[in-house]
Amino acid sequence: MPLPQPIKHCKNCGTAVLYRVPDDGDTKQRAVCPACHTIHYENPINVVGTVPIWGDKVLLCKRNIEPRWGKWTLPAGFMELGESPAEGAARETVEEAGAQFEMEELFTIMSVLHVGQVHLFYRARLLSDVFDPGYETIEARLFSESEIPWEEIAFRTVAQTLQHYFADRRAGQFGLHHGSIR
């Protein structure tokens, strides 16, 4: 997935923008409107989700949408305006898995540099093993570590988050993990 297309027109007045270093002391090229002088900043998009746990099993969702249709993932998606990362992760878990759960701590933060995204996953304790997945999910299912379909995991951030989870569980202590995928 390539980076989003560069900004072509000013979001305020519609004039074609120019890419240059603004005169305000900035050091990066930005989309600058030559008419109204608005500087348009392009920032990463946040993807938020959970690692839902039931005993020694993790809840995964089989994707019913592209990208990666038919592959397994943790319940996650784009954070919406007006919600915190934890609120977005909770919303996505309800939408994709129809799960009942209690949110726990932030667990992984991963920058996906080539697509301009930051993925944040929270641990979540499932309150039931009954799920009601939404339209984006073919199936929601619990997996023990030995049952994880590693070759069918949709995204590297999900695979790395699962690896961290199982390693921390074996160690008996959960930490906050961070990293970058280039």
Foldseek 3Di string as FASTA:
>chain_A
DAADDADQADPPPGAGWDWDADPPPRDGTFTAHPPPGDTDDDAFWEKAAEQEDDPQWTKWFQFCDDDLHRFIFGQIGTDDPPDDRVVRHVVSCCAAWVFAWAWDAWAEWEAAPRHRYIYIYTYIYTPDQDTDGHPRTPDMDIDHPVRPPLVRHRDPVRSVSVVLVVVCVVVVHGDHYYYYHD
